[in-house]
PDB file of N, CA and C in Angstrom:
ATOM      1  N   MET A   1      -7.580 -16.420  -3.778  1.00  0.00           N
ATOM      2  CA  MET A   1      -6.693 -15.594  -2.973  1.00  0.00           C
ATOM      3  C   MET A   1      -6.461 -14.265  -3.690  1.00  0.00           C
ATOM      4  N   ALA A   2      -6.478 -13.205  -2.938  1.00  0.00           N
ATOM      5  CA  ALA A   2      -6.322 -11.869  -3.514  1.00  0.00           C
ATOM      6  C   ALA A   2      -4.853 -11.460  -3.519  1.00  0.00           C
ATOM      7  N   ALA A   3      -4.603 -10.321  -4.128  1.00  0.00           N
ATOM      8  CA  ALA A   3      -3.247  -9.777  -4.180  1.00  0.00           C
ATOM      9  C   ALA A   3      -2.736  -9.506  -2.765  1.00  0.00           C
ATOM     10  N   LYS A   4      -1.439  -9.702  -2.567  1.00  0.00           N
ATOM     11  CA  LYS A   4      -0.820  -9.539  -1.256  1.00  0.00           C
ATOM     12  C   LYS A   4       0.071  -8.299  -1.260  1.00  0.00           C
ATOM     13  N   LEU A   5      -0.091  -7.462  -0.233  1.00  0.00           N
ATOM     14  CA  LEU A   5       0.739  -6.268  -0.089  1.00  0.00           C
ATOM     15  C   LEU A   5       2.184  -6.685   0.150  1.00  0.00           C
ATOM     16  N   VAL A   6       3.100  -6.140  -0.652  1.00  0.00           N
ATOM     17  CA  VAL A   6       4.507  -6.498  -0.536  1.00  0.00           C
ATOM     18  C   VAL A   6       5.357  -5.311  -0.101  1.00  0.00           C
ATOM     19  N   TYR A   7       5.173  -4.147  -0.733  1.00  0.00           N
ATOM     20  CA  TYR A   7       6.023  -2.985  -0.467  1.00  0.00           C
ATOM     21  C   TYR A   7       5.207  -1.693  -0.444  1.00  0.00           C
ATOM     22  N   ASP A   8       5.746  -0.701   0.253  1.00  0.00           N
ATOM     23  CA  ASP A   8       5.287   0.681   0.126  1.00  0.00           C
ATOM     24  C   ASP A   8       6.124   1.323  -0.972  1.00  0.00           C
ATOM     25  N   ALA A   9       5.508   2.116  -1.818  1.00  0.00           N
ATOM     26  CA  ALA A   9       6.226   2.872  -2.849  1.00  0.00           C
ATOM     27  C   ALA A   9       6.487   4.271  -2.289  1.00  0.00           C
ATOM     28  N   VAL A  10       7.763   4.660  -2.254  1.00  0.00           N
ATOM     29  CA  VAL A  10       8.158   5.894  -1.577  1.00  0.00           C
ATOM     30  C   VAL A  10       9.017   6.752  -2.501  1.00  0.00           C
ATOM     31  N   ALA A  11       8.751   8.056  -2.503  1.00  0.00           N
ATOM     32  CA  ALA A  11       9.537   9.016  -3.287  1.00  0.00           C
ATOM     33  C   ALA A  11      10.304   9.929  -2.329  1.00  0.00           C
ATOM     34  N   THR A  12      11.533  10.276  -2.690  1.00  0.00           N
ATOM     35  CA  THR A  12      12.290  11.289  -1.957  1.00  0.00           C
ATOM     36  C   THR A  12      11.931  12.629  -2.591  1.00  0.00           C
ATOM     37  N   ILE A  13      11.376  13.546  -1.789  1.00  0.00           N
ATOM     38  CA  ILE A  13      10.841  14.780  -2.357  1.00  0.00           C
ATOM     39  C   ILE A  13      11.550  16.035  -1.870  1.00  0.00           C
ATOM     40  N   GLY A  14      12.710  15.880  -1.299  1.00  0.00           N
ATOM     41  CA  GLY A  14      13.458  17.054  -0.863  1.00  0.00           C
ATOM     42  C   GLY A  14      14.266  16.774   0.383  1.00  0.00           C
ATOM     43  N   LYS A  15      14.727  17.844   1.004  1.00  0.00           N
ATOM     44  CA  LYS A  15      15.544  17.753   2.216  1.00  0.00           C
ATOM     45  C   LYS A  15      15.069  18.793   3.219  1.00  0.00           C
ATOM     46  N   TYR A  16      15.431  18.554   4.480  1.00  0.00           N
ATOM     47  CA  TYR A  16      15.148  19.529   5.531  1.00  0.00           C
ATOM     48  C   TYR A  16      16.247  19.421   6.580  1.00  0.00           C
ATOM     49  N   THR A  17      16.315  20.377   7.470  1.00  0.00           N
ATOM     50  CA  THR A  17      17.286  20.372   8.550  1.00  0.00           C
ATOM     51  C   THR A  17      16.547  20.190   9.870  1.00  0.00           C
ATOM     52  N   ASP A  18      16.954  19.178  10.654  1.00  0.00           N
ATOM     53  CA  ASP A  18      16.288  18.926  11.934  1.00  0.00           C
ATOM     54  C   ASP A  18      16.781  19.910  12.999  1.00  0.00           C
ATOM     55  N   LYS A  19      16.257  19.805  14.212  1.00  0.00           N
ATOM     56  CA  LYS A  19      16.594  20.740  15.294  1.00  0.00           C
ATOM     57  C   LYS A  19      18.067  20.707  15.681  1.00  0.00           C
ATOM     58  N   GLN A  20      18.720  19.576  15.434  1.00  0.00           N
ATOM     59  CA  GLN A  20      20.139  19.443  15.755  1.00  0.00           C
ATOM     60  C   GLN A  20      21.034  19.938  14.613  1.00  0.00           C
ATOM     61  N   GLY A  21      20.447  20.413  13.520  1.00  0.00           N
ATOM     62  CA  GLY A  21      21.211  20.931  12.401  1.00  0.00           C
ATOM     63  C   GLY A  21      21.620  19.876  11.380  1.00  0.00           C
ATOM     64  N   ASN A  22      21.080  18.656  11.520  1.00  0.00           N
ATOM     65  CA  ASN A  22      21.390  17.583  10.574  1.00  0.00           C
ATOM     66  C   ASN A  22      20.469  17.668   9.360  1.00  0.00           C
ATOM     67  N   GLU A  23      21.045  17.506   8.177  1.00  0.00           N
ATOM     68  CA  GLU A  23      20.233  17.498   6.959  1.00  0.00           C
ATOM     69  C   GLU A  23      19.616  16.110   6.777  1.00  0.00           C
ATOM     70  N   LYS A  24      18.321  16.069   6.561  1.00  0.00           N
ATOM     71  CA  LYS A  24      17.573  14.816   6.394  1.00  0.00           C
ATOM     72  C   LYS A  24      16.810  14.858   5.080  1.00  0.00           C
ATOM     73  N   LYS A  25      16.521  13.670   4.552  1.00  0.00           N
ATOM     74  CA  LYS A  25      15.690  13.582   3.348  1.00  0.00           C
ATOM     75  C   LYS A  25      14.221  13.588   3.750  1.00  0.00           C
ATOM     76  N   ARG A  26      13.399  14.164   2.894  1.00  0.00           N
ATOM     77  CA  ARG A  26      11.951  14.181   3.105  1.00  0.00           C
ATOM     78  C   ARG A  26      11.347  13.141   2.163  1.00  0.00           C
ATOM     79  N   TYR A  27      10.512  12.267   2.717  1.00  0.00           N
ATOM     80  CA  TYR A  27       9.924  11.169   1.951  1.00  0.00           C
ATOM     81  C   TYR A  27       8.410  11.311   1.866  1.00  0.00           C
ATOM     82  N   MET A  28       7.848  10.728   0.824  1.00  0.00           N
ATOM     83  CA  MET A  28       6.396  10.702   0.636  1.00  0.00           C
ATOM     84  C   MET A  28       6.006   9.302   0.151  1.00  0.00           C
ATOM     85  N   THR A  29       5.126   8.628   0.895  1.00  0.00           N
ATOM     86  CA  THR A  29       4.616   7.341   0.442  1.00  0.00           C
ATOM     87  C   THR A  29       3.554   7.621  -0.611  1.00  0.00           C
ATOM     88  N   VAL A  30       3.767   7.106  -1.827  1.00  0.00           N
ATOM     89  CA  VAL A  30       2.890   7.440  -2.952  1.00  0.00           C
ATOM     90  C   VAL A  30       2.038   6.265  -3.419  1.00  0.00           C
ATOM     91  N   GLY A  31       2.249   5.081  -2.856  1.00  0.00           N
ATOM     92  CA  GLY A  31       1.452   3.939  -3.278  1.00  0.00           C
ATOM     93  C   GLY A  31       1.920   2.657  -2.639  1.00  0.00           C
ATOM     94  N   LYS A  32       1.435   1.552  -3.192  1.00  0.00           N
ATOM     95  CA  LYS A  32       1.717   0.213  -2.671  1.00  0.00           C
ATOM     96  C   LYS A  32       2.030  -0.721  -3.835  1.00  0.00           C
ATOM     97  N   VAL A  33       2.866  -1.721  -3.568  1.00  0.00           N
ATOM     98  CA  VAL A  33       3.168  -2.764  -4.537  1.00  0.00           C
ATOM     99  C   VAL A  33       2.530  -4.049  -4.021  1.00  0.00           C
ATOM    100  N   PHE A  34       1.784  -4.713  -4.903  1.00  0.00           N
ATOM    101  CA  PHE A  34       1.090  -5.946  -4.553  1.00  0.00           C
ATOM    102  C   PHE A  34       1.609  -7.086  -5.414  1.00  0.00           C
ATOM    103  N   GLU A  35       1.598  -8.292  -4.845  1.00  0.00           N
ATOM    104  CA  GLU A  35       1.985  -9.491  -5.572  1.00  0.00           C
ATOM    105  C   GLU A  35       0.737 -10.309  -5.866  1.00  0.00           C
ATOM    106  N   SER A  36       0.562 -10.708  -7.139  1.00  0.00           N
ATOM    107  CA  SER A  36      -0.598 -11.506  -7.524  1.00  0.00           C
ATOM    108  C   SER A  36      -0.333 -12.981  -7.226  1.00  0.00           C
ATOM    109  N   GLU A  37      -1.349 -13.794  -7.383  1.00  0.00           N
ATOM    110  CA  GLU A  37      -1.219 -15.234  -7.159  1.00  0.00           C
ATOM    111  C   GLU A  37      -0.159 -15.846  -8.062  1.00  0.00           C
ATOM    112  N   GLY A  38      -0.021 -15.332  -9.265  1.00  0.00           N
ATOM    113  CA  GLY A  38       0.952 -15.857 -10.212  1.00  0.00           C
ATOM    114  C   GLY A  38       2.360 -15.341 -10.002  1.00  0.00           C
ATOM    115  N   GLY A  39       2.561 -14.467  -9.025  1.00  0.00           N
ATOM    116  CA  GLY A  39       3.892 -13.950  -8.729  1.00  0.00           C
ATOM    117  C   GLY A  39       4.196 -12.608  -9.365  1.00  0.00           C
ATOM    118  N   GLY A  40       3.290 -12.084 -10.189  1.00  0.00           N
ATOM    119  CA  GLY A  40       3.503 -10.771 -10.803  1.00  0.00           C
ATOM    120  C   GLY A  40       3.349  -9.654  -9.795  1.00  0.00           C
ATOM    121  N   LEU A  41       4.006  -8.546 -10.052  1.00  0.00           N
ATOM    122  CA  LEU A  41       3.925  -7.381  -9.175  1.00  0.00           C
ATOM    123  C   LEU A  41       3.132  -6.275  -9.846  1.00  0.00           C
ATOM    124  N   SER A  42       2.316  -5.573  -9.062  1.00  0.00           N
ATOM    125  CA  SER A  42       1.528  -4.445  -9.549  1.00  0.00           C
ATOM    126  C   SER A  42       1.744  -3.255  -8.623  1.00  0.00           C
ATOM    127  N   LEU A  43       1.861  -2.079  -9.208  1.00  0.00           N
ATOM    128  CA  LEU A  43       2.023  -0.849  -8.449  1.00  0.00           C
ATOM    129  C   LEU A  43       0.721  -0.078  -8.492  1.00  0.00           C
ATOM    130  N   LYS A  44       0.163   0.256  -7.328  1.00  0.00           N
ATOM    131  CA  LYS A  44      -1.040   1.066  -7.209  1.00  0.00           C
ATOM    132  C   LYS A  44      -0.630   2.423  -6.669  1.00  0.00           C
ATOM    133  N   LEU A  45      -0.673   3.440  -7.524  1.00  0.00           N
ATOM    134  CA  LEU A  45      -0.304   4.791  -7.102  1.00  0.00           C
ATOM    135  C   LEU A  45      -1.506   5.492  -6.480  1.00  0.00           C
ATOM    136  N   ASP A  46      -1.293   6.106  -5.331  1.00  0.00           N
ATOM    137  CA  ASP A  46      -2.316   6.903  -4.656  1.00  0.00           C
ATOM    138  C   ASP A  46      -2.050   8.392  -4.825  1.00  0.00           C
ATOM    139  N   ALA A  47      -0.813   8.735  -5.135  1.00  0.00           N
ATOM    140  CA  ALA A  47      -0.410  10.136  -5.277  1.00  0.00           C
ATOM    141  C   ALA A  47       0.843  10.206  -6.140  1.00  0.00           C
ATOM    142  N   LEU A  48       1.081  11.365  -6.705  1.00  0.00           N
ATOM    143  CA  LEU A  48       2.327  11.632  -7.433  1.00  0.00           C
ATOM    144  C   LEU A  48       2.943  12.897  -6.859  1.00  0.00           C
ATOM    145  N   PRO A  49       4.217  12.845  -6.527  1.00  0.00           N
ATOM    146  CA  PRO A  49       4.864  14.061  -6.029  1.00  0.00           C
ATOM    147  C   PRO A  49       4.969  15.086  -7.160  1.00  0.00           C
ATOM    148  N   VAL A  50       4.630  16.306  -6.885  1.00  0.00           N
ATOM    149  CA  VAL A  50       4.686  17.349  -7.915  1.00  0.00           C
ATOM    150  C   VAL A  50       5.654  18.458  -7.514  1.00  0.00           C
ATOM    151  N   VAL A  51       6.667  18.087  -6.751  1.00  0.00           N
ATOM    152  CA  VAL A  51       7.671  19.068  -6.345  1.00  0.00           C
ATOM    153  C   VAL A  51       8.860  18.991  -7.296  1.00  0.00           C
ATOM    154  N   PRO A  52       9.536  20.094  -7.544  1.00  0.00           N
ATOM    155  CA  PRO A  52      10.671  20.084  -8.473  1.00  0.00           C
ATOM    156  C   PRO A  52      11.824  19.190  -8.014  1.00  0.00           C
ATOM    157  N   GLU A  53      11.918  18.920  -6.707  1.00  0.00           N
ATOM    158  CA  GLU A  53      13.015  18.111  -6.182  1.00  0.00           C
ATOM    159  C   GLU A  53      12.866  16.624  -6.483  1.00  0.00           C
ATOM    160  N   TRP A  54      11.685  16.181  -6.901  1.00  0.00           N
ATOM    161  CA  TRP A  54      11.476  14.762  -7.159  1.00  0.00           C
ATOM    162  C   TRP A  54      12.198  14.350  -8.436  1.00  0.00           C
ATOM    163  N   SER A  55      13.000  13.306  -8.352  1.00  0.00           N
ATOM    164  CA  SER A  55      13.826  12.857  -9.471  1.00  0.00           C
ATOM    165  C   SER A  55      13.088  11.939 -10.436  1.00  0.00           C
ATOM    166  N   GLY A  56      11.896  11.499 -10.062  1.00  0.00           N
ATOM    167  CA  GLY A  56      11.161  10.545 -10.897  1.00  0.00           C
ATOM    168  C   GLY A  56      11.337   9.110 -10.438  1.00  0.00           C
ATOM    169  N   TRP A  57      12.222   8.880  -9.483  1.00  0.00           N
ATOM    170  CA  TRP A  57      12.480   7.534  -8.979  1.00  0.00           C
ATOM    171  C   TRP A  57      11.587   7.229  -7.785  1.00  0.00           C
ATOM    172  N   LEU A  58      11.160   5.955  -7.695  1.00  0.00           N
ATOM    173  CA  LEU A  58      10.439   5.459  -6.526  1.00  0.00           C
ATOM    174  C   LEU A  58      11.269   4.351  -5.905  1.00  0.00           C
ATOM    175  N   SER A  59      11.223   4.255  -4.589  1.00  0.00           N
ATOM    176  CA  SER A  59      11.887   3.176  -3.858  1.00  0.00           C
ATOM    177  C   SER A  59      10.808   2.324  -3.213  1.00  0.00           C
ATOM    178  N   PHE A  60      11.108   1.048  -3.033  1.00  0.00           N
ATOM    179  CA  PHE A  60      10.137   0.127  -2.452  1.00  0.00           C
ATOM    180  C   PHE A  60      10.672  -0.418  -1.138  1.00  0.00           C
ATOM    181  N   TYR A  61       9.870  -0.279  -0.083  1.00  0.00           N
ATOM    182  CA  TYR A  61      10.255  -0.706   1.254  1.00  0.00           C
ATOM    183  C   TYR A  61       9.178  -1.616   1.826  1.00  0.00           C
ATOM    184  N   VAL A  62       9.610  -2.592   2.631  1.00  0.00           N
ATOM    185  CA  VAL A  62       8.656  -3.434   3.343  1.00  0.00           C
ATOM    186  C   VAL A  62       7.867  -2.515   4.273  1.00  0.00           C
ATOM    187  N   PRO A  63       6.541  -2.599   4.244  1.00  0.00           N
ATOM    188  CA  PRO A  63       5.729  -1.704   5.084  1.00  0.00           C
ATOM    189  C   PRO A  63       6.069  -1.845   6.556  1.00  0.00           C
ATOM    190  N   LYS A  64       6.109  -0.726   7.260  1.00  0.00           N
ATOM    191  CA  LYS A  64       6.382  -0.752   8.696  1.00  0.00           C
ATOM    192  C   LYS A  64       5.281  -1.487   9.447  1.00  0.00           C
ATOM    193  N   ASP A  65       4.058  -1.357   8.947  1.00  0.00           N
ATOM    194  CA  ASP A  65       2.915  -2.011   9.591  1.00  0.00           C
ATOM    195  C   ASP A  65       2.580  -3.312   8.872  1.00  0.00           C
ATOM    196  N   LYS A  66       3.602  -4.124   8.582  1.00  0.00           N
ATOM    197  CA  LYS A  66       3.399  -5.372   7.848  1.00  0.00           C
ATOM    198  C   LYS A  66       2.407  -6.283   8.568  1.00  0.00           C
ATOM    199  N   GLU A  67       2.408  -6.238   9.889  1.00  0.00           N
ATOM    200  CA  GLU A  67       1.444  -7.013  10.660  1.00  0.00           C
ATOM    201  C   GLU A  67       0.138  -6.224  10.727  1.00  0.00           C
ATOM    202  N   GLN A  68      -0.687  -6.391   9.710  1.00  0.00           N
ATOM    203  CA  GLN A  68      -1.939  -5.655   9.635  1.00  0.00           C
ATOM    204  C   GLN A  68      -3.055  -6.425  10.326  1.00  0.00           C
ATOM    205  N   SER A  69      -4.034  -5.684  10.825  1.00  0.00           N
ATOM    206  CA  SER A  69      -5.221  -6.322  11.357  1.00  0.00           C
ATOM    207  C   SER A  69      -6.026  -6.866  10.175  1.00  0.00           C
ATOM    208  N   PRO A  70      -6.927  -7.810  10.410  1.00  0.00           N
ATOM    209  CA  PRO A  70      -7.750  -8.321   9.308  1.00  0.00           C
ATOM    210  C   PRO A  70      -8.518  -7.218   8.578  1.00  0.00           C
ATOM    211  N   ALA A  71      -9.001  -6.214   9.300  1.00  0.00           N
ATOM    212  CA  ALA A  71      -9.735  -5.119   8.656  1.00  0.00           C
ATOM    213  C   ALA A  71      -8.813  -4.307   7.756  1.00  0.00           C
ATOM    214  N   GLN A  72      -7.577  -4.039   8.206  1.00  0.00           N
ATOM    215  CA  GLN A  72      -6.618  -3.301   7.382  1.00  0.00           C
ATOM    216  C   GLN A  72      -6.254  -4.105   6.144  1.00  0.00           C
ATOM    217  N   GLU A  73      -6.088  -5.419   6.319  1.00  0.00           N
ATOM    218  CA  GLU A  73      -5.735  -6.274   5.191  1.00  0.00           C
ATOM    219  C   GLU A  73      -6.867  -6.303   4.166  1.00  0.00           C
ATOM    220  N   GLN A  74      -8.119  -6.380   4.637  1.00  0.00           N
ATOM    221  CA  GLN A  74      -9.269  -6.354   3.726  1.00  0.00           C
ATOM    222  C   GLN A  74      -9.303  -5.033   2.972  1.00  0.00           C
ATOM    223  N   HIS A  75      -9.043  -3.932   3.669  1.00  0.00           N
ATOM    224  CA  HIS A  75      -9.054  -2.627   3.020  1.00  0.00           C
ATOM    225  C   HIS A  75      -7.947  -2.532   1.976  1.00  0.00           C
ATOM    226  N   SER A  76      -6.738  -3.006   2.316  1.00  0.00           N
ATOM    227  CA  SER A  76      -5.621  -2.979   1.370  1.00  0.00           C
ATOM    228  C   SER A  76      -5.940  -3.797   0.125  1.00  0.00           C
ATOM    229  N   THR A  77      -6.546  -4.952   0.330  1.00  0.00           N
ATOM    230  CA  THR A  77      -6.901  -5.813  -0.796  1.00  0.00           C
ATOM    231  C   THR A  77      -7.974  -5.155  -1.649  1.00  0.00           C
ATOM    232  N   ALA A  78      -8.995  -4.589  -0.999  1.00  0.00           N
ATOM    233  CA  ALA A  78     -10.061  -3.913  -1.744  1.00  0.00           C
ATOM    234  C   ALA A  78      -9.503  -2.735  -2.526  1.00  0.00           C
ATOM    235  N   LYS A  79      -8.598  -1.994  -1.918  1.00  0.00           N
ATOM    236  CA  LYS A  79      -7.993  -0.850  -2.584  1.00  0.00           C
ATOM    237  C   LYS A  79      -7.186  -1.310  -3.792  1.00  0.00           C
ATOM    238  N   ALA A  80      -6.444  -2.416  -3.630  1.00  0.00           N
ATOM    239  CA  ALA A  80      -5.640  -2.955  -4.740  1.00  0.00           C
ATOM    240  C   ALA A  80      -6.521  -3.415  -5.890  1.00  0.00           C
ATOM    241  N   ASN A  81      -7.729  -3.852  -5.582  1.00  0.00           N
ATOM    242  CA  ASN A  81      -8.663  -4.324  -6.597  1.00  0.00           C
ATOM    243  C   ASN A  81      -9.591  -3.216  -7.084  1.00  0.00           C
ATOM    244  N   GLY A  82      -9.253  -1.981  -6.795  1.00  0.00           N
ATOM    245  CA  GLY A  82     -10.041  -0.842  -7.263  1.00  0.00           C
ATOM    246  C   GLY A  82     -11.393  -0.729  -6.592  1.00  0.00           C
ATOM    247  N   TYR A  83     -11.514  -1.254  -5.385  1.00  0.00           N
ATOM    248  CA  TYR A  83     -12.754  -1.234  -4.609  1.00  0.00           C
ATOM    249  C   TYR A  83     -13.916  -1.898  -5.332  1.00  0.00           C
ATOM    250  N   GLN A  84     -13.629  -2.877  -6.174  1.00  0.00           N
ATOM    251  CA  GLN A  84     -14.697  -3.624  -6.834  1.00  0.00           C
ATOM    252  C   GLN A  84     -15.361  -4.517  -5.802  1.00  0.00           C
ATOM    253  N   ALA A  85     -16.676  -4.640  -5.917  1.00  0.00           N
ATOM    254  CA  ALA A  85     -17.429  -5.437  -4.956  1.00  0.00           C
ATOM    255  C   ALA A  85     -16.981  -6.893  -5.006  1.00  0.00           C
ATOM    256  N   GLN A  86     -16.764  -7.451  -3.824  1.00  0.00           N
ATOM    257  CA  GLN A  86     -16.372  -8.848  -3.706  1.00  0.00           C
ATOM    258  C   GLN A  86     -17.525  -9.602  -3.046  1.00  0.00           C
ATOM    259  N   ALA A  87     -17.894 -10.743  -3.623  1.00  0.00           N
ATOM    260  CA  ALA A  87     -18.953 -11.561  -3.033  1.00  0.00           C
ATOM    261  C   ALA A  87     -18.399 -12.240  -1.789  1.00  0.00           C
ATOM    262  N   THR A  88     -19.095 -12.075  -0.678  1.00  0.00           N
ATOM    263  CA  THR A  88     -18.674 -12.732   0.562  1.00  0.00           C
ATOM    264  C   THR A  88     -19.859 -13.432   1.182  1.00  0.00           C
ATOM    265  N   ASN A  89     -19.618 -14.570   1.753  1.00  0.00           N
ATOM    266  CA  ASN A  89     -20.640 -15.329   2.463  1.00  0.00           C
ATOM    267  C   ASN A  89     -20.302 -15.220   3.937  1.00  0.00           C
ATOM    268  N   THR A  90     -21.110 -14.456   4.691  1.00  0.00           N
ATOM    269  CA  THR A  90     -20.790 -14.209   6.091  1.00  0.00           C
ATOM    270  C   THR A  90     -21.525 -15.146   7.038  1.00  0.00           C
ATOM    271  N   PHE A  91     -22.228 -16.153   6.509  1.00  0.00           N
ATOM    272  CA  PHE A  91     -22.921 -17.101   7.365  1.00  0.00           C
ATOM    273  C   PHE A  91     -22.850 -18.486   6.741  1.00  0.00           C
ATOM    274  N   ASP A  92     -23.134 -19.474   7.552  1.00  0.00           N
ATOM    275  CA  ASP A  92     -23.116 -20.866   7.115  1.00  0.00           C
ATOM    276  C   ASP A  92     -24.525 -21.248   6.686  1.00  0.00           C
ATOM    277  N   ASP A  93     -24.689 -21.602   5.406  1.00  0.00           N
ATOM    278  CA  ASP A  93     -26.010 -21.935   4.873  1.00  0.00           C
ATOM    279  C   ASP A  93     -26.690 -23.063   5.640  1.00  0.00           C
ATOM    280  N   GLU A  94     -25.935 -23.992   6.196  1.00  0.00           N
ATOM    281  CA  GLU A  94     -26.528 -25.131   6.882  1.00  0.00           C
ATOM    282  C   GLU A  94     -27.031 -24.783   8.278  1.00  0.00           C
ATOM    283  N   GLN A  95     -26.750 -23.609   8.781  1.00  0.00           N
ATOM    284  CA  GLN A  95     -27.214 -23.218  10.091  1.00  0.00           C
ATOM    285  C   GLN A  95     -28.480 -22.377  10.039  1.00  0.00           C
ATOM    286  N   ILE A  96     -29.031 -22.151   8.862  1.00  0.00           N
ATOM    287  CA  ILE A  96     -30.264 -21.390   8.730  1.00  0.00           C
ATOM    288  C   ILE A  96     -31.411 -22.300   9.160  1.00  0.00           C
ATOM    289  N   PRO A  97     -32.261 -21.853  10.099  1.00  0.00           N
ATOM    290  CA  PRO A  97     -33.284 -22.740  10.666  1.00  0.00           C
ATOM    291  C   PRO A  97     -34.513 -22.946   9.776  1.00  0.00           C
ATOM    292  N   PHE A  98     -34.558 -22.477   8.570  1.00  0.00           N
ATOM    293  CA  PHE A  98     -35.736 -22.682   7.713  1.00  0.00           C
ATOM    294  C   PHE A  98     -35.350 -23.163   6.351  1.00  0.00           C
TER     295      PHE A  98
END
């Protein structure tokens, strides 16, 4: 079993004012947190905020798209494993006619 996506890693990188004049925080998703088979957590950073407003803190949120398609889940797992080639058997050896 491969690592399981648990959280999105998110940084607050500033503020903005919406059309109604409300001040809002600006967020940037910078990576993902994965849980290993043994229960350990790993953070995979895809980006680092380089704005002066970033405090250095990251927050972890359950991904909005937690219900991923099998293709998205395979991609997330491959990304967490550094895109290392994984051996897969896509056919049943006993069904080969020769």
